[in-house]
Amino acid sequence: MDGSDESASKFLSWVLRHQPQAIGLQLDAQGWASIDDLLRLAQPTQPLTRAQLQRVVAESDKQRFAISADGLRIRANQGHSLPVALGLACAQPPVQLYHGTATRFVEVIRREGLRPGQRQHVHLSVSPDTALQVGQRYGQAVVLTVRAQAMAAAGHAFYRADNGVWLTAQVPAAFIDVAGAVA
């Protein structure tokens, strides 16, 4: 993605995950917005064309967004701080999943587990490398191992977003391994 596409991606994340009302955009209960409305309402803040929007959605390495099958609507795949029902079915997670964070948060996580913070879900990855990249955004990174199948067996629900990110309401500290995880 070039600089203008990167800027467009950040704008889309902000509007579709957190602040649709900032430009007067309406999301439905599942987080979908009209592409025509988005393009029109974005103009004063972040001029977008339909071609650029489609390119950003298609070329995003993290696949943050989805366009509906009819090509009329767009939404963020996960990461919302506002209430959105993505309609994801519960899924059986792999044995382990990973979460990247900064070392300064480890002591609190050891006591309280992982919480979604401003988002609806805790985000987990199947790849420790991806988790490390996420953690590096916040400082010196640590990769936490989550015993996901054990959590599911204890009654915790997991969902898999369209872009492969695993979501859960929270991760109790008892299911998190931290030892030797500092990167």
N, C-alpha and C. Protein backbone atom coordinates (compact mmCIF):
# COMPACT_ATOMS: atom_id res chain seq x y z
N MET A 1 0.84 -1.19 0.00
CA MET A 1 0.00 0.00 0.00
C MET A 1 0.87 1.24 0.00
N ASP A 2 0.51 2.21 -0.82
CA ASP A 2 1.26 3.47 -0.79
C ASP A 2 0.76 4.33 0.36
N GLY A 3 1.37 5.50 0.52
CA GLY A 3 1.03 6.38 1.64
C GLY A 3 -0.43 6.78 1.67
N SER A 4 -1.01 7.08 0.51
CA SER A 4 -2.42 7.49 0.50
C SER A 4 -3.33 6.31 0.84
N ASP A 5 -2.96 5.11 0.42
CA ASP A 5 -3.75 3.93 0.79
C ASP A 5 -3.61 3.62 2.27
N GLU A 6 -2.41 3.81 2.81
CA GLU A 6 -2.22 3.59 4.24
C GLU A 6 -3.05 4.57 5.05
N SER A 7 -3.06 5.82 4.63
CA SER A 7 -3.88 6.84 5.28
C SER A 7 -5.36 6.47 5.17
N ALA A 8 -5.78 6.00 4.02
CA ALA A 8 -7.17 5.58 3.83
C ALA A 8 -7.51 4.41 4.74
N SER A 9 -6.60 3.45 4.90
CA SER A 9 -6.83 2.30 5.77
C SER A 9 -6.99 2.73 7.22
N LYS A 10 -6.15 3.64 7.66
CA LYS A 10 -6.26 4.15 9.04
C LYS A 10 -7.59 4.88 9.24
N PHE A 11 -7.97 5.67 8.25
CA PHE A 11 -9.26 6.37 8.31
C PHE A 11 -10.41 5.37 8.40
N LEU A 12 -10.38 4.34 7.56
CA LEU A 12 -11.43 3.33 7.57
C LEU A 12 -11.50 2.61 8.92
N SER A 13 -10.34 2.30 9.49
CA SER A 13 -10.32 1.66 10.82
C SER A 13 -10.99 2.55 11.85
N TRP A 14 -10.65 3.83 11.82
CA TRP A 14 -11.21 4.78 12.78
C TRP A 14 -12.73 4.88 12.61
N VAL A 15 -13.19 5.06 11.38
CA VAL A 15 -14.61 5.26 11.13
C VAL A 15 -15.41 3.97 11.32
N LEU A 16 -14.93 2.85 10.81
CA LEU A 16 -15.71 1.62 10.84
C LEU A 16 -15.60 0.86 12.16
N ARG A 17 -14.57 1.13 12.95
CA ARG A 17 -14.40 0.45 14.24
C ARG A 17 -14.81 1.30 15.43
N HIS A 18 -14.60 2.62 15.31
CA HIS A 18 -14.70 3.44 16.53
C HIS A 18 -15.60 4.67 16.43
N GLN A 19 -15.54 5.42 15.35
CA GLN A 19 -16.21 6.72 15.31
C GLN A 19 -17.00 6.98 14.02
N PRO A 20 -17.95 6.13 13.66
CA PRO A 20 -18.72 6.41 12.44
C PRO A 20 -19.46 7.74 12.52
N GLN A 21 -19.90 8.10 13.72
CA GLN A 21 -20.66 9.34 13.90
C GLN A 21 -19.81 10.58 13.62
N ALA A 22 -18.49 10.45 13.64
CA ALA A 22 -17.63 11.61 13.39
C ALA A 22 -17.82 12.18 11.98
N ILE A 23 -18.25 11.31 11.05
CA ILE A 23 -18.53 11.80 9.70
C ILE A 23 -20.01 11.67 9.35
N GLY A 24 -20.82 11.24 10.33
CA GLY A 24 -22.26 11.08 10.09
C GLY A 24 -22.63 9.76 9.45
N LEU A 25 -21.74 8.77 9.53
CA LEU A 25 -21.99 7.47 8.92
C LEU A 25 -22.82 6.60 9.86
N GLN A 26 -23.75 5.85 9.29
CA GLN A 26 -24.58 4.92 10.05
C GLN A 26 -24.08 3.50 9.81
N LEU A 27 -23.85 2.76 10.90
CA LEU A 27 -23.55 1.33 10.83
C LEU A 27 -24.80 0.58 11.25
N ASP A 28 -25.06 -0.57 10.62
CA ASP A 28 -26.17 -1.39 11.10
C ASP A 28 -25.68 -2.23 12.29
N ALA A 29 -26.54 -3.07 12.81
CA ALA A 29 -26.21 -3.84 14.01
C ALA A 29 -25.03 -4.78 13.81
N GLN A 30 -24.75 -5.16 12.56
CA GLN A 30 -23.62 -6.05 12.27
C GLN A 30 -22.38 -5.27 11.83
N GLY A 31 -22.43 -3.96 11.91
CA GLY A 31 -21.27 -3.13 11.59
C GLY A 31 -21.14 -2.75 10.12
N TRP A 32 -22.12 -3.08 9.29
CA TRP A 32 -22.08 -2.75 7.87
C TRP A 32 -22.49 -1.30 7.64
N ALA A 33 -21.84 -0.67 6.68
CA ALA A 33 -22.17 0.70 6.24
C ALA A 33 -22.28 0.70 4.72
N SER A 34 -23.12 1.57 4.22
CA SER A 34 -23.25 1.75 2.78
C SER A 34 -21.95 2.33 2.23
N ILE A 35 -21.41 1.71 1.19
CA ILE A 35 -20.19 2.23 0.55
C ILE A 35 -20.47 3.60 -0.06
N ASP A 36 -21.62 3.77 -0.68
CA ASP A 36 -21.95 5.08 -1.27
C ASP A 36 -21.97 6.16 -0.20
N ASP A 37 -22.60 5.87 0.95
CA ASP A 37 -22.63 6.85 2.05
C ASP A 37 -21.22 7.13 2.56
N LEU A 38 -20.42 6.09 2.75
CA LEU A 38 -19.06 6.27 3.23
C LEU A 38 -18.26 7.16 2.29
N LEU A 39 -18.31 6.88 1.00
CA LEU A 39 -17.54 7.68 0.04
C LEU A 39 -17.99 9.14 0.05
N ARG A 40 -19.29 9.37 0.14
CA ARG A 40 -19.81 10.73 0.15
C ARG A 40 -19.44 11.47 1.44
N LEU A 41 -19.63 10.81 2.58
CA LEU A 41 -19.39 11.46 3.87
C LEU A 41 -17.91 11.62 4.19
N ALA A 42 -17.05 10.80 3.60
CA ALA A 42 -15.61 10.87 3.86
C ALA A 42 -14.95 12.04 3.15
N GLN A 43 -15.55 12.56 2.10
CA GLN A 43 -14.90 13.55 1.23
C GLN A 43 -14.23 14.71 1.96
N PRO A 44 -14.88 15.38 2.91
CA PRO A 44 -14.20 16.52 3.54
C PRO A 44 -12.99 16.12 4.39
N THR A 45 -13.01 14.90 4.92
CA THR A 45 -11.96 14.45 5.84
C THR A 45 -10.89 13.63 5.14
N GLN A 46 -11.32 12.66 4.36
CA GLN A 46 -10.42 11.71 3.70
C GLN A 46 -11.01 11.36 2.34
N PRO A 47 -10.72 12.16 1.33
CA PRO A 47 -11.28 11.84 0.02
C PRO A 47 -10.89 10.43 -0.43
N LEU A 48 -11.91 9.66 -0.79
CA LEU A 48 -11.73 8.27 -1.22
C LEU A 48 -12.47 8.06 -2.53
N THR A 49 -11.93 7.21 -3.36
CA THR A 49 -12.66 6.75 -4.54
C THR A 49 -13.05 5.30 -4.30
N ARG A 50 -14.02 4.83 -5.06
CA ARG A 50 -14.43 3.43 -4.94
C ARG A 50 -13.26 2.51 -5.28
N ALA A 51 -12.49 2.86 -6.30
CA ALA A 51 -11.34 2.03 -6.68
C ALA A 51 -10.31 1.96 -5.55
N GLN A 52 -10.03 3.09 -4.90
CA GLN A 52 -9.08 3.08 -3.79
C GLN A 52 -9.62 2.25 -2.64
N LEU A 53 -10.90 2.41 -2.32
CA LEU A 53 -11.52 1.64 -1.25
C LEU A 53 -11.39 0.14 -1.53
N GLN A 54 -11.70 -0.28 -2.74
CA GLN A 54 -11.60 -1.69 -3.09
C GLN A 54 -10.15 -2.18 -3.02
N ARG A 55 -9.21 -1.34 -3.42
CA ARG A 55 -7.79 -1.70 -3.37
C ARG A 55 -7.34 -1.87 -1.91
N VAL A 56 -7.74 -0.93 -1.05
CA VAL A 56 -7.35 -1.01 0.37
C VAL A 56 -7.90 -2.29 1.00
N VAL A 57 -9.14 -2.62 0.70
CA VAL A 57 -9.74 -3.83 1.25
C VAL A 57 -9.02 -5.07 0.72
N ALA A 58 -8.76 -5.10 -0.57
CA ALA A 58 -8.14 -6.28 -1.19
C ALA A 58 -6.67 -6.46 -0.81
N GLU A 59 -5.93 -5.36 -0.67
CA GLU A 59 -4.49 -5.46 -0.48
C GLU A 59 -4.03 -5.36 0.97
N SER A 60 -4.94 -5.16 1.89
CA SER A 60 -4.56 -5.07 3.30
C SER A 60 -4.00 -6.41 3.77
N ASP A 61 -2.76 -6.41 4.26
CA ASP A 61 -2.16 -7.66 4.72
C ASP A 61 -2.90 -8.24 5.91
N LYS A 62 -3.57 -7.41 6.68
CA LYS A 62 -4.29 -7.89 7.85
C LYS A 62 -5.77 -8.12 7.57
N GLN A 63 -6.21 -7.85 6.36
CA GLN A 63 -7.60 -8.07 5.97
C GLN A 63 -8.57 -7.52 7.02
N ARG A 64 -8.41 -6.24 7.33
CA ARG A 64 -9.20 -5.59 8.37
C ARG A 64 -10.66 -5.36 7.97
N PHE A 65 -10.93 -5.33 6.66
CA PHE A 65 -12.26 -4.95 6.18
C PHE A 65 -12.83 -6.00 5.25
N ALA A 66 -14.17 -5.96 5.13
CA ALA A 66 -14.87 -6.85 4.20
C ALA A 66 -15.89 -6.03 3.43
N ILE A 67 -16.06 -6.37 2.17
CA ILE A 67 -17.11 -5.81 1.35
C ILE A 67 -18.17 -6.90 1.18
N SER A 68 -19.42 -6.54 1.31
CA SER A 68 -20.51 -7.51 1.21
C SER A 68 -20.53 -8.16 -0.17
N ALA A 69 -21.16 -9.32 -0.24
CA ALA A 69 -21.21 -10.08 -1.49
C ALA A 69 -21.84 -9.29 -2.63
N ASP A 70 -22.78 -8.39 -2.30
CA ASP A 70 -23.42 -7.59 -3.35
C ASP A 70 -22.62 -6.34 -3.71
N GLY A 71 -21.50 -6.10 -3.00
CA GLY A 71 -20.63 -4.97 -3.29
C GLY A 71 -21.15 -3.61 -2.85
N LEU A 72 -22.20 -3.60 -2.05
CA LEU A 72 -22.82 -2.34 -1.65
C LEU A 72 -22.43 -1.86 -0.25
N ARG A 73 -21.90 -2.77 0.57
CA ARG A 73 -21.61 -2.41 1.97
C ARG A 73 -20.19 -2.82 2.34
N ILE A 74 -19.68 -2.18 3.41
CA ILE A 74 -18.35 -2.45 3.94
C ILE A 74 -18.43 -2.49 5.46
N ARG A 75 -17.55 -3.27 6.07
CA ARG A 75 -17.43 -3.26 7.53
C ARG A 75 -16.02 -3.67 7.93
N ALA A 76 -15.67 -3.38 9.17
CA ALA A 76 -14.42 -3.86 9.76
C ALA A 76 -14.67 -5.30 10.22
N ASN A 77 -13.67 -6.16 10.05
CA ASN A 77 -13.81 -7.57 10.43
C ASN A 77 -13.81 -7.79 11.93
N GLN A 78 -13.14 -6.94 12.67
CA GLN A 78 -13.11 -7.02 14.13
C GLN A 78 -12.43 -5.77 14.64
N GLY A 79 -12.34 -5.64 15.98
CA GLY A 79 -11.62 -4.51 16.57
C GLY A 79 -12.51 -3.35 16.96
N HIS A 80 -13.81 -3.56 16.97
CA HIS A 80 -14.74 -2.48 17.27
C HIS A 80 -14.71 -2.08 18.75
N SER A 81 -14.80 -0.78 18.99
CA SER A 81 -14.98 -0.30 20.36
C SER A 81 -16.45 0.04 20.60
N LEU A 82 -17.26 -0.02 19.57
CA LEU A 82 -18.70 0.21 19.71
C LEU A 82 -19.40 -1.12 19.54
N PRO A 83 -20.62 -1.23 20.09
CA PRO A 83 -21.30 -2.53 20.02
C PRO A 83 -21.68 -2.92 18.60
N VAL A 84 -21.16 -4.06 18.18
CA VAL A 84 -21.43 -4.61 16.85
C VAL A 84 -21.57 -6.12 17.01
N ALA A 85 -22.60 -6.68 16.40
CA ALA A 85 -22.80 -8.13 16.41
C ALA A 85 -22.33 -8.67 15.07
N LEU A 86 -21.11 -9.16 15.02
CA LEU A 86 -20.52 -9.61 13.77
C LEU A 86 -21.17 -10.87 13.21
N GLY A 87 -21.97 -11.54 14.02
CA GLY A 87 -22.65 -12.74 13.54
C GLY A 87 -21.74 -13.93 13.38
N LEU A 88 -20.66 -13.96 14.12
CA LEU A 88 -19.71 -15.07 14.03
C LEU A 88 -20.19 -16.24 14.87
N ALA A 89 -20.07 -17.43 14.34
CA ALA A 89 -20.44 -18.64 15.09
C ALA A 89 -19.28 -19.03 16.01
N CYS A 90 -19.62 -19.63 17.13
CA CYS A 90 -18.58 -20.16 18.01
C CYS A 90 -17.76 -21.17 17.22
N ALA A 91 -16.47 -21.19 17.50
CA ALA A 91 -15.57 -22.10 16.79
C ALA A 91 -14.63 -22.75 17.78
N GLN A 92 -14.22 -23.96 17.48
CA GLN A 92 -13.25 -24.68 18.31
C GLN A 92 -11.86 -24.14 17.99
N PRO A 93 -11.19 -23.55 18.98
CA PRO A 93 -9.86 -22.99 18.71
C PRO A 93 -8.79 -24.06 18.66
N PRO A 94 -7.62 -23.69 18.13
CA PRO A 94 -6.48 -24.62 18.20
C PRO A 94 -6.03 -24.78 19.65
N VAL A 95 -5.11 -25.68 19.88
CA VAL A 95 -4.61 -25.94 21.24
C VAL A 95 -4.10 -24.65 21.86
N GLN A 96 -3.31 -23.89 21.11
CA GLN A 96 -2.72 -22.65 21.63
C GLN A 96 -3.00 -21.51 20.67
N LEU A 97 -3.17 -20.33 21.26
CA LEU A 97 -3.21 -19.09 20.51
C LEU A 97 -2.24 -18.12 21.17
N TYR A 98 -1.97 -17.00 20.53
CA TYR A 98 -0.95 -16.07 21.02
C TYR A 98 -1.49 -14.65 21.08
N HIS A 99 -0.94 -13.91 22.02
CA HIS A 99 -1.32 -12.50 22.17
C HIS A 99 -0.04 -11.69 22.39
N GLY A 100 0.13 -10.65 21.60
CA GLY A 100 1.29 -9.78 21.75
C GLY A 100 0.93 -8.53 22.53
N THR A 101 1.80 -8.16 23.44
CA THR A 101 1.59 -6.96 24.24
C THR A 101 2.96 -6.43 24.64
N ALA A 102 2.96 -5.37 25.43
CA ALA A 102 4.22 -4.80 25.91
C ALA A 102 4.56 -5.38 27.28
N THR A 103 5.85 -5.49 27.55
CA THR A 103 6.30 -6.06 28.82
C THR A 103 5.75 -5.31 30.02
N ARG A 104 5.49 -4.01 29.87
CA ARG A 104 4.99 -3.23 31.02
C ARG A 104 3.60 -3.66 31.49
N PHE A 105 2.89 -4.45 30.67
CA PHE A 105 1.55 -4.90 31.04
C PHE A 105 1.54 -6.30 31.65
N VAL A 106 2.67 -6.98 31.65
CA VAL A 106 2.71 -8.40 32.03
C VAL A 106 2.24 -8.63 33.47
N GLU A 107 2.67 -7.82 34.41
CA GLU A 107 2.28 -8.06 35.81
C GLU A 107 0.77 -7.96 36.00
N VAL A 108 0.14 -6.98 35.39
CA VAL A 108 -1.32 -6.84 35.48
C VAL A 108 -1.99 -8.04 34.82
N ILE A 109 -1.48 -8.46 33.67
CA ILE A 109 -2.06 -9.61 32.96
C ILE A 109 -1.91 -10.87 33.81
N ARG A 110 -0.80 -11.04 34.49
CA ARG A 110 -0.62 -12.22 35.36
C ARG A 110 -1.67 -12.25 36.47
N ARG A 111 -2.07 -11.07 36.94
CA ARG A 111 -3.08 -10.99 38.02
C ARG A 111 -4.51 -11.07 37.47
N GLU A 112 -4.77 -10.33 36.39
CA GLU A 112 -6.15 -10.13 35.95
C GLU A 112 -6.50 -10.82 34.63
N GLY A 113 -5.52 -11.38 33.95
CA GLY A 113 -5.78 -11.98 32.66
C GLY A 113 -5.85 -10.91 31.57
N LEU A 114 -6.30 -11.32 30.40
CA LEU A 114 -6.43 -10.39 29.27
C LEU A 114 -7.87 -9.93 29.19
N ARG A 115 -8.05 -8.63 29.07
CA ARG A 115 -9.37 -8.03 28.93
C ARG A 115 -9.42 -7.26 27.62
N PRO A 116 -10.60 -7.04 27.09
CA PRO A 116 -10.68 -6.37 25.79
C PRO A 116 -10.40 -4.87 25.81
N GLY A 117 -10.31 -4.27 26.97
CA GLY A 117 -10.06 -2.83 27.03
C GLY A 117 -11.19 -2.07 26.37
N GLN A 118 -10.88 -1.22 25.41
CA GLN A 118 -11.90 -0.43 24.72
C GLN A 118 -12.62 -1.22 23.63
N ARG A 119 -12.15 -2.41 23.32
CA ARG A 119 -12.75 -3.21 22.26
C ARG A 119 -13.76 -4.20 22.83
N GLN A 120 -14.45 -4.89 21.94
CA GLN A 120 -15.45 -5.87 22.36
C GLN A 120 -14.83 -7.21 22.73
N HIS A 121 -13.68 -7.54 22.14
CA HIS A 121 -13.07 -8.85 22.35
C HIS A 121 -11.55 -8.72 22.53
N VAL A 122 -10.98 -9.73 23.14
CA VAL A 122 -9.54 -9.91 23.15
C VAL A 122 -9.18 -10.54 21.81
N HIS A 123 -8.12 -10.04 21.17
CA HIS A 123 -7.69 -10.55 19.86
C HIS A 123 -6.52 -11.51 20.06
N LEU A 124 -6.61 -12.66 19.42
CA LEU A 124 -5.57 -13.69 19.53
C LEU A 124 -5.17 -14.15 18.14
N SER A 125 -3.94 -14.61 18.02
CA SER A 125 -3.38 -15.02 16.74
C SER A 125 -2.96 -16.48 16.79
N VAL A 126 -2.97 -17.12 15.62
CA VAL A 126 -2.44 -18.49 15.54
C VAL A 126 -0.93 -18.48 15.42
N SER A 127 -0.35 -17.32 15.16
CA SER A 127 1.09 -17.20 14.93
C SER A 127 1.78 -16.37 15.99
N PRO A 128 2.82 -16.92 16.62
CA PRO A 128 3.58 -16.11 17.57
C PRO A 128 4.26 -14.92 16.88
N ASP A 129 4.62 -15.08 15.61
CA ASP A 129 5.26 -13.97 14.88
C ASP A 129 4.30 -12.80 14.70
N THR A 130 3.05 -13.10 14.37
CA THR A 130 2.04 -12.04 14.24
C THR A 130 1.82 -11.38 15.59
N ALA A 131 1.72 -12.17 16.64
CA ALA A 131 1.54 -11.62 17.98
C ALA A 131 2.70 -10.71 18.36
N LEU A 132 3.91 -11.10 18.00
CA LEU A 132 5.09 -10.28 18.27
C LEU A 132 4.99 -8.93 17.56
N GLN A 133 4.58 -8.95 16.31
CA GLN A 133 4.42 -7.69 15.56
C GLN A 133 3.40 -6.78 16.24
N VAL A 134 2.32 -7.35 16.72
CA VAL A 134 1.30 -6.56 17.43
C VAL A 134 1.90 -5.98 18.71
N GLY A 135 2.57 -6.82 19.47
CA GLY A 135 3.16 -6.37 20.73
C GLY A 135 4.18 -5.26 20.56
N GLN A 136 4.92 -5.29 19.46
CA GLN A 136 5.95 -4.28 19.22
C GLN A 136 5.37 -2.89 19.00
N ARG A 137 4.08 -2.81 18.69
CA ARG A 137 3.43 -1.50 18.53
C ARG A 137 3.34 -0.75 19.86
N TYR A 138 3.44 -1.49 20.96
CA TYR A 138 3.21 -0.90 22.28
C TYR A 138 4.46 -0.78 23.14
N GLY A 139 5.62 -1.12 22.59
CA GLY A 139 6.87 -1.03 23.34
C GLY A 139 7.64 -2.33 23.24
N GLN A 140 8.47 -2.60 24.26
CA GLN A 140 9.21 -3.87 24.27
C GLN A 140 8.19 -5.00 24.33
N ALA A 141 8.23 -5.87 23.35
CA ALA A 141 7.16 -6.85 23.17
C ALA A 141 7.35 -8.12 23.98
N VAL A 142 6.22 -8.70 24.32
CA VAL A 142 6.16 -10.02 24.94
C VAL A 142 5.05 -10.78 24.22
N VAL A 143 5.28 -12.05 23.96
CA VAL A 143 4.27 -12.90 23.34
C VAL A 143 3.74 -13.85 24.41
N LEU A 144 2.45 -13.77 24.64
CA LEU A 144 1.80 -14.63 25.63
C LEU A 144 1.19 -15.83 24.91
N THR A 145 1.30 -16.99 25.52
CA THR A 145 0.66 -18.20 24.98
C THR A 145 -0.63 -18.43 25.75
N VAL A 146 -1.72 -18.58 25.01
CA VAL A 146 -3.03 -18.82 25.61
C VAL A 146 -3.41 -20.27 25.34
N ARG A 147 -3.71 -21.00 26.41
CA ARG A 147 -4.14 -22.39 26.27
C ARG A 147 -5.62 -22.39 25.88
N ALA A 148 -5.84 -22.19 24.59
CA ALA A 148 -7.18 -21.93 24.06
C ALA A 148 -8.11 -23.13 24.16
N GLN A 149 -7.63 -24.33 23.83
CA GLN A 149 -8.52 -25.50 23.92
C GLN A 149 -8.93 -25.76 25.36
N ALA A 150 -8.02 -25.58 26.29
CA ALA A 150 -8.36 -25.75 27.71
C ALA A 150 -9.40 -24.71 28.13
N MET A 151 -9.25 -23.50 27.64
CA MET A 151 -10.23 -22.45 27.92
C MET A 151 -11.60 -22.82 27.37
N ALA A 152 -11.62 -23.30 26.13
CA ALA A 152 -12.89 -23.69 25.50
C ALA A 152 -13.53 -24.84 26.28
N ALA A 153 -12.72 -25.79 26.72
CA ALA A 153 -13.23 -26.92 27.50
C ALA A 153 -13.83 -26.45 28.83
N ALA A 154 -13.34 -25.32 29.33
CA ALA A 154 -13.85 -24.74 30.58
C ALA A 154 -15.08 -23.86 30.34
N GLY A 155 -15.53 -23.78 29.09
CA GLY A 155 -16.76 -23.06 28.80
C GLY A 155 -16.63 -21.67 28.19
N HIS A 156 -15.41 -21.27 27.84
CA HIS A 156 -15.21 -19.96 27.21
C HIS A 156 -15.43 -20.07 25.71
N ALA A 157 -16.15 -19.10 25.16
CA ALA A 157 -16.48 -19.10 23.73
C ALA A 157 -15.38 -18.42 22.93
N PHE A 158 -15.10 -18.98 21.77
CA PHE A 158 -14.14 -18.41 20.81
C PHE A 158 -14.84 -18.21 19.48
N TYR A 159 -14.42 -17.19 18.78
CA TYR A 159 -14.95 -16.86 17.46
C TYR A 159 -13.76 -16.60 16.55
N ARG A 160 -13.92 -16.92 15.28
CA ARG A 160 -12.85 -16.66 14.31
C ARG A 160 -13.38 -15.65 13.31
N ALA A 161 -12.75 -14.46 13.29
CA ALA A 161 -13.14 -13.41 12.36
C ALA A 161 -12.79 -13.82 10.93
N ASP A 162 -13.39 -13.15 9.97
CA ASP A 162 -13.16 -13.47 8.57
C ASP A 162 -11.69 -13.38 8.15
N ASN A 163 -10.91 -12.57 8.88
CA ASN A 163 -9.50 -12.41 8.53
C ASN A 163 -8.58 -13.35 9.33
N GLY A 164 -9.17 -14.29 10.07
CA GLY A 164 -8.37 -15.29 10.78
C GLY A 164 -8.02 -14.93 12.22
N VAL A 165 -8.35 -13.74 12.67
CA VAL A 165 -8.09 -13.35 14.06
C VAL A 165 -9.09 -14.08 14.95
N TRP A 166 -8.59 -14.64 16.04
CA TRP A 166 -9.45 -15.31 17.01
C TRP A 166 -9.90 -14.30 18.06
N LEU A 167 -11.15 -14.37 18.46
CA LEU A 167 -11.75 -13.43 19.40
C LEU A 167 -12.36 -14.19 20.56
N THR A 168 -12.25 -13.59 21.75
CA THR A 168 -12.90 -14.13 22.93
C THR A 168 -13.17 -12.97 23.88
N ALA A 169 -14.12 -13.15 24.78
CA ALA A 169 -14.52 -12.05 25.67
C ALA A 169 -13.39 -11.62 26.60
N GLN A 170 -12.65 -12.59 27.12
CA GLN A 170 -11.53 -12.33 28.02
C GLN A 170 -10.73 -13.61 28.16
N VAL A 171 -9.52 -13.49 28.67
CA VAL A 171 -8.69 -14.67 28.91
C VAL A 171 -8.27 -14.65 30.38
N PRO A 172 -8.83 -15.53 31.19
CA PRO A 172 -8.42 -15.59 32.59
C PRO A 172 -6.92 -15.90 32.71
N ALA A 173 -6.31 -15.35 33.73
CA ALA A 173 -4.86 -15.50 33.94
C ALA A 173 -4.44 -16.96 34.00
N ALA A 174 -5.31 -17.83 34.49
CA ALA A 174 -4.96 -19.25 34.63
C ALA A 174 -4.67 -19.93 33.29
N PHE A 175 -5.09 -19.33 32.19
CA PHE A 175 -4.89 -19.93 30.87
C PHE A 175 -3.76 -19.27 30.08
N ILE A 176 -2.99 -18.42 30.72
CA ILE A 176 -1.94 -17.66 30.04
C ILE A 176 -0.57 -18.11 30.53
N ASP A 177 0.31 -18.43 29.59
CA ASP A 177 1.70 -18.73 29.91
C ASP A 177 2.57 -17.57 29.46
N VAL A 178 3.38 -17.05 30.39
CA VAL A 178 4.22 -15.89 30.12
C VAL A 178 5.69 -16.25 30.13
N ALA A 179 6.06 -17.28 30.84
CA ALA A 179 7.47 -17.62 31.04
C ALA A 179 8.25 -17.71 29.74
N GLY A 180 9.36 -17.01 29.69
CA GLY A 180 10.26 -17.07 28.56
C GLY A 180 9.72 -16.39 27.30
N ALA A 181 8.71 -15.55 27.46
CA ALA A 181 8.04 -14.99 26.29
C ALA A 181 8.55 -13.62 25.87
N VAL A 182 9.47 -13.03 26.61
CA VAL A 182 9.93 -11.68 26.28
C VAL A 182 10.76 -11.73 24.99
N ALA A 183 10.40 -10.84 24.06
CA ALA A 183 11.10 -10.82 22.78
C ALA A 183 12.07 -9.66 22.72
